[in-house]
């Protein structure tokens, strides 16, 4: 099944950053327009209040120079002064309606749609009522003063209001240019990733020894290539292990099957008439079948443990009596074997007992099988480490790193004589990992081997503590 061709990452990056630029420019336009509008309104408000004060002073004066002074007010300041009966005394725009009084030193807006034949009325204004004394100074007359600016005719306001259209007009070529530049820049930076992708596609199960090029600057792309190389190294190691495992399984099955086939042919030829050949053949067939069954069960056990199937519940128990029981069971199975136990009475551990028992059985059996008779086995506890030592043949430095691999045997000459499947130490290691134990081997040829099981500090207890108490 062929996967659909993915969209180019450079196109996605270009579209993403083009959208970001559009949003940034749009936001900038909105914020700048809003800020300029507020600044302009503030400036116009201050200007209106200033001229409102001037008009108030002019009207309050007792001279005849009012007309000249009023005419000096700028043309864009629309003013109207009316008497109590709404008679217009002074104005420079008779069409301006009478506006309500505003709060002191404040301005307000007045908007009326379709006020003029050619448009709306949009004012910023300030208005107040004052009293002026008559010429005889016997009484005072109320006067209404208002000043306003028509924002519809204000040049500065029109420029500010037109800014969004100008920005939107210029944003189109900006987006086109930024999109083109973004596409080429993203293509340039993504070129090493494309190279890595192309090279990675060429690597298959037969060429896992190849590695990606990691030359270049110390950046994320080089780190990605190094990560892929580490992945390929692990895959190569796993593939080699799998090939070796398959080859070992085929080799292990080939011998018993050949033996079974040989004895079956022997039975077919002479076993029917010769009871001795019949008995010998049946015994050998039984032995080989049991060996194959054992190997199959061991493989299934390894598979279950590697797939994290099964539970291992911890329990607290005293270590020395447990080891004494293990030794006693082997004294029955192998009475010639000498055991030595070095473990204090105060040590207790919190771990799955059956799992630890299985590990010790595998290690002790290996020590017995690969030691000259009578075997001498030492079980020793020291610094949270339980060691199984023997004085056997030892393991060469070339073989020592591989003894926990499946089907690996350091002594190739004893493949059939030892009657083992080569899976024991693999099972022991897998069990140790499931029980959060660390297992390692040390050996000197012709002097012996030591397998060490290291417990975590949290799993080791002492008798001065309550054995029913779980470790924290």
Protein backbone atom coordinates (compact mmCIF):
# COMPACT_ATOMS: atom_id res chain seq x y z
CA UNK A 1 0.00 0.00 0.00
CA UNK A 2 1.54 3.28 -1.08
CA UNK A 3 1.21 6.18 1.31
CA UNK A 4 -0.12 9.49 -0.04
CA UNK A 5 2.59 11.99 -0.89
CA UNK A 6 2.95 14.36 2.07
CA UNK A 7 2.72 18.10 1.62
CA UNK A 8 6.09 19.83 1.49
CA UNK A 9 7.25 21.03 4.89
CA UNK A 10 8.72 24.15 3.26
CA UNK A 11 5.27 25.01 1.88
CA UNK A 12 3.72 24.53 5.31
CA UNK A 13 6.40 26.73 6.93
CA UNK A 14 5.94 29.40 4.22
CA UNK A 15 2.16 29.45 4.68
CA UNK A 16 2.51 29.49 8.44
CA UNK A 17 4.92 32.44 8.55
CA UNK A 18 2.99 34.31 5.84
CA UNK A 19 -0.10 34.01 8.02
CA UNK A 20 1.93 35.19 11.02
CA UNK A 21 3.17 38.25 9.06
CA UNK A 22 -0.39 39.00 7.95
CA UNK A 23 -1.69 38.81 11.53
CA UNK A 24 1.22 40.92 12.84
CA UNK A 25 0.72 43.64 10.19
CA UNK A 26 -3.03 43.60 10.73
CA UNK A 27 -2.61 43.87 14.50
CA UNK A 28 -0.01 46.62 14.10
CA UNK A 29 -2.35 48.54 11.80
CA UNK A 30 -5.23 48.23 14.24
CA UNK A 31 -3.14 49.23 17.25
CA UNK A 32 -1.49 52.16 15.48
CA UNK A 33 -4.79 53.45 14.09
CA UNK A 34 -6.45 53.11 17.46
CA UNK A 35 -3.52 54.85 19.19
CA UNK A 36 -3.43 57.70 16.67
CA UNK A 37 -7.21 58.12 16.91
CA UNK A 38 -7.04 58.37 20.69
CA UNK A 39 -4.10 60.78 20.52
CA UNK A 40 -5.91 62.93 17.98
CA UNK A 41 -9.09 62.98 20.05
CA UNK A 42 -7.09 63.95 23.12
CA UNK A 43 -5.35 66.74 21.24
CA UNK A 44 -8.61 68.02 19.76
CA UNK A 45 -10.27 67.88 23.18
CA UNK A 46 -7.52 70.00 24.71
CA UNK A 47 -7.78 72.40 21.80
CA UNK A 48 -11.57 72.71 22.20
CA UNK A 49 -11.29 73.35 25.92
CA UNK A 50 -8.66 76.00 25.21
CA UNK A 51 -10.84 77.88 22.73
CA UNK A 52 -13.91 77.44 24.94
CA UNK A 53 -12.03 79.31 27.66
CA UNK A 54 -11.01 82.01 25.18
CA UNK A 55 -14.63 82.47 24.07
CA UNK A 56 -15.77 82.64 27.66
CA UNK A 57 -13.21 85.36 28.36
CA UNK A 58 -14.18 87.28 25.22
CA UNK A 59 -17.90 87.18 26.06
CA UNK A 60 -17.23 88.26 29.63
CA UNK A 61 -15.22 91.35 28.53
CA UNK A 62 -16.88 94.75 28.61
CA UNK A 63 -15.51 96.16 25.42
CA UNK A 64 -16.53 96.25 21.81
CA UNK A 65 -13.67 94.24 20.38
CA UNK A 66 -15.52 90.93 20.61
CA UNK A 67 -16.04 90.53 16.89
CA UNK A 68 -12.39 90.95 16.08
CA UNK A 69 -11.33 88.55 18.84
CA UNK A 70 -13.88 85.94 17.89
CA UNK A 71 -12.93 86.09 14.24
CA UNK A 72 -9.37 85.25 15.23
CA UNK A 73 -10.44 81.72 16.26
CA UNK A 74 -9.29 79.10 13.67
CA UNK A 75 -11.74 78.20 10.94
CA UNK A 76 -11.95 74.53 11.88
CA UNK A 77 -13.18 75.41 15.40
CA UNK A 78 -16.95 75.62 15.02
CA UNK A 79 -18.42 77.87 17.68
CA UNK A 80 -21.87 79.12 18.56
CA UNK A 81 -22.91 81.54 21.27
CA UNK A 82 -26.62 81.78 22.00
CA UNK A 83 -28.74 83.77 24.43
CA UNK A 84 -31.34 82.49 26.82
CA UNK A 85 -34.04 82.44 24.13
CA UNK A 86 -31.70 80.45 21.82
CA UNK A 87 -30.97 83.48 19.69
CA UNK A 88 -27.62 83.10 18.00
CA UNK A 89 -25.25 85.89 19.04
CA UNK A 90 -22.05 84.69 17.37
CA UNK A 91 -21.28 81.74 15.13
CA UNK A 92 -19.08 80.72 12.23
CA UNK A 93 -21.37 77.88 11.12
CA UNK A 94 -25.12 78.47 11.36
CA UNK A 95 -25.86 74.84 10.55
CA UNK A 96 -24.36 73.54 13.79
CA UNK A 97 -27.20 72.46 16.09
CA UNK A 98 -27.52 73.59 19.67
CA UNK A 99 -25.57 71.07 21.74
CA UNK A 100 -26.18 70.09 25.38
CA UNK A 101 -23.93 71.29 28.16
CA UNK A 102 -20.96 69.00 28.93
CA UNK A 103 -19.25 68.35 32.22
CA UNK A 104 -16.63 70.86 33.20
CA UNK A 105 -13.33 70.50 31.32
CA UNK A 106 -14.57 67.52 29.31
CA UNK A 107 -15.59 66.88 25.73
CA UNK A 108 -18.17 64.59 24.21
CA UNK A 109 -19.09 63.30 20.78
CA UNK A 110 -22.21 64.10 18.82
CA UNK A 111 -23.20 62.01 15.84
CA UNK A 112 -26.23 62.29 13.62
CA UNK A 113 -26.63 60.22 10.51
CA UNK A 114 -27.56 61.95 7.24
CA UNK A 115 -27.50 65.35 8.89
CA UNK A 116 -26.29 66.94 5.67
CA UNK A 117 -27.38 66.10 2.19
CA UNK A 118 -23.87 64.84 1.47
CA UNK A 119 -23.10 63.07 4.73
CA UNK A 120 -23.30 62.60 8.47
CA UNK A 121 -22.52 64.97 11.30
CA UNK A 122 -19.70 63.76 13.55
CA UNK A 123 -18.57 66.26 16.16
CA UNK A 124 -16.28 66.48 19.14
CA UNK A 125 -17.58 69.34 21.26
CA UNK A 126 -17.64 71.05 24.61
CA UNK A 127 -20.42 73.35 25.82
CA UNK A 128 -21.17 75.37 28.93
CA UNK A 129 -23.56 78.06 30.17
CA UNK A 130 -22.24 81.27 31.76
CA UNK A 131 -23.75 84.48 33.04
CA UNK A 132 -22.63 87.88 31.73
CA UNK A 133 -23.50 91.18 33.29
CA UNK A 134 -25.49 93.76 31.42
CA UNK A 135 -24.04 97.14 30.60
CA UNK A 136 -25.75 98.76 33.57
CA UNK A 137 -24.41 95.95 35.76
CA UNK A 138 -27.78 95.68 37.41
CA UNK A 139 -28.35 92.04 36.47
CA UNK A 140 -26.78 89.18 34.46
CA UNK A 141 -27.90 87.28 31.37
CA UNK A 142 -27.32 83.54 30.77
CA UNK A 143 -25.34 82.71 27.65
CA UNK A 144 -24.71 79.26 26.07
CA UNK A 145 -21.24 78.74 24.57
CA UNK A 146 -20.26 75.72 22.49
CA UNK A 147 -17.20 74.82 20.45
CA UNK A 148 -16.84 71.81 18.16
CA UNK A 149 -14.68 70.17 15.51
CA UNK A 150 -16.26 68.32 12.60
CA UNK A 151 -14.27 65.06 12.42
CA UNK A 152 -15.78 64.34 9.01
CA UNK A 153 -13.92 67.38 7.64
CA UNK A 154 -10.78 67.13 9.79
CA UNK A 155 -7.80 66.43 7.52
CA UNK A 156 -5.71 64.73 10.19
CA UNK A 157 -8.60 62.47 11.19
CA UNK A 158 -9.21 61.57 7.56
CA UNK A 159 -5.56 60.57 7.17
CA UNK A 160 -5.70 58.40 10.30
CA UNK A 161 -8.92 56.75 9.18
CA UNK A 162 -7.39 56.01 5.80
CA UNK A 163 -4.32 54.26 7.26
CA UNK A 164 -5.92 50.74 7.38
CA UNK A 165 -6.71 50.92 3.67
CA UNK A 166 -3.14 52.02 2.91
CA UNK A 167 -1.67 49.21 5.02
CA UNK A 168 -3.99 46.63 3.47
CA UNK A 169 -2.97 47.88 0.03
CA UNK A 170 0.73 47.44 0.83
CA UNK A 171 0.30 44.17 2.71
CA UNK A 172 -0.39 42.24 -0.52
CA UNK A 173 3.07 42.77 -2.06
CA UNK A 174 4.63 42.34 1.40
CA UNK A 175 2.97 38.93 1.78
CA UNK A 176 3.96 37.89 -1.74
CA UNK A 177 7.59 38.88 -1.20
CA UNK A 178 7.75 37.32 2.28
CA UNK A 179 6.15 34.11 0.94
CA UNK A 180 8.70 33.80 -1.86
CA UNK A 181 11.63 34.57 0.45
CA UNK A 182 10.22 32.22 3.12
CA UNK A 183 9.89 29.40 0.62
CA UNK A 184 13.48 29.71 -0.58
CA UNK A 185 14.87 30.15 2.95
CA UNK A 186 12.91 27.18 4.33
CA UNK A 187 14.00 25.08 1.35
CA UNK A 188 17.60 26.04 2.06
CA UNK A 189 17.38 25.07 5.73
CA UNK A 190 15.39 21.88 5.04
CA UNK A 191 17.82 20.64 2.41
CA UNK A 192 19.94 18.69 4.97
CA UNK A 193 16.78 17.00 6.29
CA UNK A 194 15.85 15.98 2.74
CA UNK A 195 19.36 14.55 2.35
CA UNK A 196 18.95 12.61 5.60
CA UNK A 197 15.54 11.31 4.44
CA UNK A 198 16.90 10.24 1.06
CA UNK A 199 19.88 8.46 2.62
CA UNK A 200 17.72 6.82 5.30
CA UNK A 201 15.41 5.40 2.60
CA UNK A 202 18.38 3.69 0.98
CA UNK A 203 19.32 1.89 4.21
CA UNK A 204 17.74 -1.56 4.48
CA UNK A 205 18.18 -4.64 6.60
CA UNK A 206 21.15 -5.66 4.43
CA UNK A 207 22.89 -2.28 4.73
CA UNK A 208 22.36 -1.34 8.36
CA UNK A 209 26.10 -0.81 8.71
CA UNK A 210 25.79 2.40 6.69
CA UNK A 211 25.63 5.71 8.58
CA UNK A 212 24.35 9.18 7.81
CA UNK A 213 26.73 12.05 7.23
CA UNK A 214 27.23 13.99 10.48
CA UNK A 215 29.62 16.63 9.20
CA UNK A 216 28.57 20.25 9.41
CA UNK A 217 27.66 22.74 12.12
CA UNK A 218 26.65 21.71 15.61
CA UNK A 219 22.90 22.18 15.23
CA UNK A 220 19.64 20.26 15.58
CA UNK A 221 20.01 18.70 12.10
CA UNK A 222 23.36 17.16 13.02
CA UNK A 223 21.85 15.95 16.28
CA UNK A 224 19.02 14.35 14.26
CA UNK A 225 21.55 12.57 12.03
CA UNK A 226 23.48 11.33 15.08
CA UNK A 227 20.22 10.07 16.62
CA UNK A 228 19.41 8.16 13.41
CA UNK A 229 22.92 6.67 13.42
CA UNK A 230 22.43 5.49 17.00
CA UNK A 231 19.08 3.98 15.97
CA UNK A 232 20.68 2.19 13.00
CA UNK A 233 23.45 0.90 15.28
CA UNK A 234 20.86 -0.56 17.68
CA UNK A 235 18.88 -2.03 14.79
CA UNK A 236 22.05 -3.55 13.33
CA UNK A 237 22.87 -5.08 16.69
CA UNK A 238 19.32 -6.43 17.05
CA UNK A 239 19.35 -7.81 13.49
CA UNK A 240 22.67 -9.54 14.09
CA UNK A 241 21.40 -10.96 17.36
CA UNK A 242 18.23 -12.15 15.62
CA UNK A 243 20.22 -13.78 12.82
CA UNK A 244 22.49 -15.45 15.32
CA UNK A 245 19.49 -16.58 17.35
CA UNK A 246 17.78 -18.05 14.27
CA UNK A 247 20.98 -19.77 13.24
CA UNK A 248 21.51 -21.13 16.76
CA UNK A 249 17.93 -22.43 16.98
CA UNK A 250 18.32 -24.15 13.62
CA UNK A 251 21.64 -25.62 14.74
CA UNK A 252 20.25 -26.77 18.10
CA UNK A 253 17.25 -28.42 16.42
CA UNK A 254 19.29 -29.92 13.63
CA UNK A 255 21.30 -32.23 15.90
CA UNK A 256 18.42 -33.79 17.88
CA UNK A 257 16.36 -34.13 14.71
CA UNK A 258 19.28 -35.88 13.02
CA UNK A 259 19.65 -38.18 16.02
CA UNK A 260 15.90 -38.90 16.03
CA UNK A 261 15.94 -39.56 12.27
CA UNK A 262 18.93 -41.90 12.64
CA UNK A 263 17.35 -43.95 15.39
CA UNK A 264 14.03 -44.10 13.54
CA UNK A 265 15.86 -45.52 10.52
CA UNK A 266 17.67 -47.91 12.85
CA UNK A 267 14.37 -49.09 14.28
CA UNK A 268 12.88 -49.53 10.83
CA UNK A 269 15.80 -51.70 9.74
CA UNK A 270 16.72 -53.84 12.75
CA UNK A 271 14.87 -52.63 15.85
CA UNK A 272 11.79 -54.74 15.29
CA UNK A 273 13.70 -57.99 15.76
CA UNK A 274 16.44 -56.83 18.16
CA UNK A 275 15.10 -55.91 21.65
CA UNK A 276 18.44 -54.33 22.61
CA UNK A 277 18.44 -51.96 19.66
CA UNK A 278 14.76 -51.22 20.28
CA UNK A 279 15.35 -50.30 23.93
CA UNK A 280 18.45 -48.23 23.14
CA UNK A 281 16.68 -46.37 20.35
CA UNK A 282 13.56 -45.63 22.42
CA UNK A 283 15.66 -44.33 25.32
CA UNK A 284 17.63 -42.07 23.00
CA UNK A 285 14.46 -40.84 21.29
CA UNK A 286 12.97 -40.05 24.67
CA UNK A 287 16.12 -38.17 25.74
CA UNK A 288 16.23 -36.09 22.57
CA UNK A 289 12.51 -35.30 22.79
CA UNK A 290 12.92 -34.17 26.40
CA UNK A 291 15.85 -31.98 25.36
CA UNK A 292 13.77 -30.35 22.62
CA UNK A 293 10.83 -29.88 24.99
CA UNK A 294 13.13 -28.23 27.55
CA UNK A 295 14.59 -25.93 24.94
CA UNK A 296 11.12 -24.97 23.68
CA UNK A 297 9.88 -24.24 27.21
CA UNK A 298 12.96 -22.12 27.87
CA UNK A 299 12.35 -20.14 24.70
CA UNK A 300 8.71 -19.56 25.65
CA UNK A 301 9.78 -18.47 29.13
CA UNK A 302 12.25 -15.98 27.65
CA UNK A 303 9.62 -14.63 25.27
CA UNK A 304 7.09 -14.15 28.08
CA UNK A 305 9.63 -12.30 30.20
CA UNK A 306 10.75 -10.07 27.34
CA UNK A 307 7.12 -9.22 26.59
CA UNK A 308 6.61 -8.30 30.28
CA UNK A 309 4.01 -11.01 30.80
CA UNK A 310 3.49 -12.41 34.27
CA UNK A 311 3.65 -10.75 37.66
CA UNK A 312 6.38 -10.97 40.28
CA UNK A 313 5.11 -9.90 43.69
CA UNK A 314 7.72 -9.15 46.34
CA UNK A 315 7.82 -10.83 49.72
CA UNK A 316 10.09 -10.29 52.69
CA UNK A 317 12.13 -13.26 53.88
CA UNK A 318 15.37 -14.00 55.69
CA UNK A 319 18.13 -14.68 53.18
CA UNK A 320 20.34 -17.24 54.97
CA UNK A 321 17.60 -19.88 55.64
CA UNK A 322 16.51 -19.44 52.04
CA UNK A 323 20.05 -20.13 50.76
CA UNK A 324 20.38 -23.11 53.12
CA UNK A 325 17.23 -24.63 51.58
CA UNK A 326 18.66 -24.12 48.08
CA UNK A 327 21.92 -25.83 49.08
CA UNK A 328 20.06 -28.70 50.75
CA UNK A 329 18.04 -29.39 47.58
CA UNK A 330 21.25 -29.62 45.54
CA UNK A 331 22.90 -31.93 48.06
CA UNK A 332 20.19 -34.42 47.19
CA UNK A 333 20.53 -33.90 43.42
CA UNK A 334 24.34 -33.69 43.40
CA UNK A 335 25.68 -35.27 46.61
CA UNK A 336 29.32 -34.95 45.52
CA UNK A 337 29.15 -31.16 45.27
CA UNK A 338 30.69 -29.18 48.13
CA UNK A 339 28.87 -26.01 49.22
CA UNK A 340 30.14 -23.11 51.29
CA UNK A 341 27.76 -20.44 52.63
CA UNK A 342 28.88 -16.99 53.80
CA UNK A 343 25.80 -14.97 54.70
CA UNK A 344 24.95 -13.22 58.03
CA UNK A 345 21.77 -14.10 59.88
CA UNK A 346 20.61 -10.48 60.00
CA UNK A 347 20.08 -10.04 56.27
CA UNK A 348 16.56 -10.08 54.85
CA UNK A 349 15.42 -9.12 51.39
CA UNK A 350 12.17 -7.99 49.81
CA UNK A 351 11.88 -9.70 46.44
CA UNK A 352 9.98 -12.41 44.62
CA UNK A 353 11.26 -15.64 46.18
CA UNK A 354 10.45 -17.96 43.25
CA UNK A 355 12.20 -15.66 40.78
CA UNK A 356 15.35 -15.49 42.91
CA UNK A 357 15.22 -19.28 43.41
CA UNK A 358 15.10 -19.84 39.64
CA UNK A 359 18.12 -17.56 39.09
CA UNK A 360 20.15 -19.38 41.76
CA UNK A 361 19.24 -22.80 40.37
CA UNK A 362 20.46 -21.79 36.92
CA UNK A 363 23.74 -20.36 38.26
CA UNK A 364 24.46 -23.31 40.57
CA UNK A 365 23.66 -25.85 37.84
CA UNK A 366 26.06 -24.08 35.45
CA UNK A 367 28.77 -24.05 38.11
CA UNK A 368 28.34 -27.79 38.70
CA UNK A 369 28.25 -28.65 34.98
CA UNK A 370 31.41 -26.69 34.16
CA UNK A 371 33.50 -27.62 37.19
CA UNK A 372 35.71 -30.68 37.65
CA UNK A 373 34.25 -33.29 40.00
CA UNK A 374 33.66 -32.80 42.85
CA UNK A 375 32.46 -29.24 42.28
CA UNK A 376 33.01 -26.59 44.96
CA UNK A 377 30.36 -23.83 45.11
CA UNK A 378 30.49 -20.73 47.36
CA UNK A 379 27.41 -18.59 48.08
CA UNK A 380 28.51 -15.26 49.55
CA UNK A 381 26.67 -12.10 50.64
CA UNK A 382 28.56 -8.82 50.84
CA UNK A 383 27.50 -5.17 50.36
CA UNK A 384 24.06 -6.00 48.92
CA UNK A 385 25.64 -8.46 46.44
CA UNK A 386 24.92 -12.20 46.39
CA UNK A 387 27.72 -14.08 44.60
CA UNK A 388 27.83 -17.63 43.24
CA UNK A 389 31.48 -18.70 42.94
CA UNK A 390 33.01 -21.88 41.59
CA UNK A 391 36.52 -23.24 41.05
CA UNK A 392 35.80 -24.59 37.63
CA UNK A 393 37.32 -24.19 34.20
CA UNK A 394 36.62 -20.48 33.97
CA UNK A 395 35.69 -18.46 30.88
CA UNK A 396 38.08 -16.84 28.42
CA UNK A 397 38.04 -13.03 28.10
CA UNK A 398 36.83 -13.41 24.48
CA UNK A 399 33.77 -15.40 25.54
CA UNK A 400 32.91 -13.57 28.78
CA UNK A 401 30.91 -10.67 27.21
CA UNK A 402 28.58 -13.13 25.42
CA UNK A 403 27.75 -15.72 28.07
CA UNK A 404 24.29 -14.19 28.69
CA UNK A 405 23.37 -14.39 24.98
CA UNK A 406 20.97 -17.12 23.86
CA UNK A 407 22.51 -20.46 22.87
CA UNK A 408 26.01 -19.17 23.54
CA UNK A 409 28.44 -21.72 24.93
CA UNK A 410 31.98 -20.84 25.84
CA UNK A 411 33.00 -24.52 25.56
CA UNK A 412 31.97 -25.41 22.00
CA UNK A 413 33.26 -28.98 22.44
CA UNK A 414 30.67 -29.66 25.15
CA UNK A 415 27.63 -28.66 23.15
CA UNK A 416 26.06 -32.10 23.25
CA UNK A 417 27.84 -33.51 26.29
CA UNK A 418 26.56 -30.86 28.68
CA UNK A 419 22.96 -31.68 27.70
CA UNK A 420 22.11 -27.99 28.05
CA UNK A 421 20.28 -25.68 25.67
CA UNK A 422 22.52 -22.66 26.11
CA UNK A 423 19.54 -20.64 27.39
CA UNK A 424 20.07 -20.84 31.14
CA UNK A 425 22.09 -17.65 31.64
CA UNK A 426 19.82 -15.78 29.19
CA UNK A 427 16.82 -16.73 31.36
CA UNK A 428 18.73 -15.75 34.51
CA UNK A 429 19.51 -12.31 33.08
CA UNK A 430 15.93 -11.75 31.92
CA UNK A 431 14.61 -12.80 35.33
CA UNK A 432 17.07 -10.47 37.06
CA UNK A 433 15.88 -7.55 34.96
CA UNK A 434 12.25 -8.32 35.82
CA UNK A 435 13.16 -8.40 39.53
CA UNK A 436 15.15 -5.12 39.30
CA UNK A 437 18.41 -6.95 39.98
CA UNK A 438 21.75 -6.41 38.31
CA UNK A 439 23.71 -9.49 37.24
CA UNK A 440 27.30 -9.65 35.99
CA UNK A 441 30.07 -12.22 35.56
CA UNK A 442 33.79 -12.31 36.36
CA UNK A 443 36.05 -15.19 35.44
CA UNK A 444 39.66 -16.32 35.20
CA UNK A 445 40.49 -19.29 33.03
CA UNK A 446 41.39 -22.48 34.95
CA UNK A 447 40.57 -20.70 38.26
CA UNK A 448 36.82 -20.28 38.33
CA UNK A 449 33.86 -18.00 37.67
CA UNK A 450 31.90 -15.59 39.89
CA UNK A 451 28.34 -14.53 39.01
CA UNK A 452 27.22 -11.53 41.09
CA UNK A 453 23.59 -10.55 41.76
CA UNK A 454 23.32 -6.98 43.02
CA UNK A 455 20.22 -5.96 45.02
CA UNK A 456 18.92 -2.42 45.20
CA UNK A 457 19.36 -0.76 48.64
CA UNK A 458 15.58 -0.45 48.98
CA UNK A 459 15.12 -4.24 48.78
CA UNK A 460 17.62 -5.09 51.58
CA UNK A 461 16.34 -5.28 55.16
CA UNK A 462 17.82 -6.24 58.51
CA UNK A 463 16.40 -8.07 61.51
CA UNK A 464 16.37 -4.96 63.62
CA UNK A 465 13.45 -3.88 61.45
CA UNK A 466 10.03 -5.44 61.25
CA UNK A 467 10.15 -8.14 58.55
CA UNK A 468 6.49 -7.51 57.77
CA UNK A 469 7.27 -3.92 56.93
CA UNK A 470 7.69 -3.22 53.23
CA UNK A 471 10.75 -1.19 52.27
CA UNK A 472 10.10 2.45 51.50
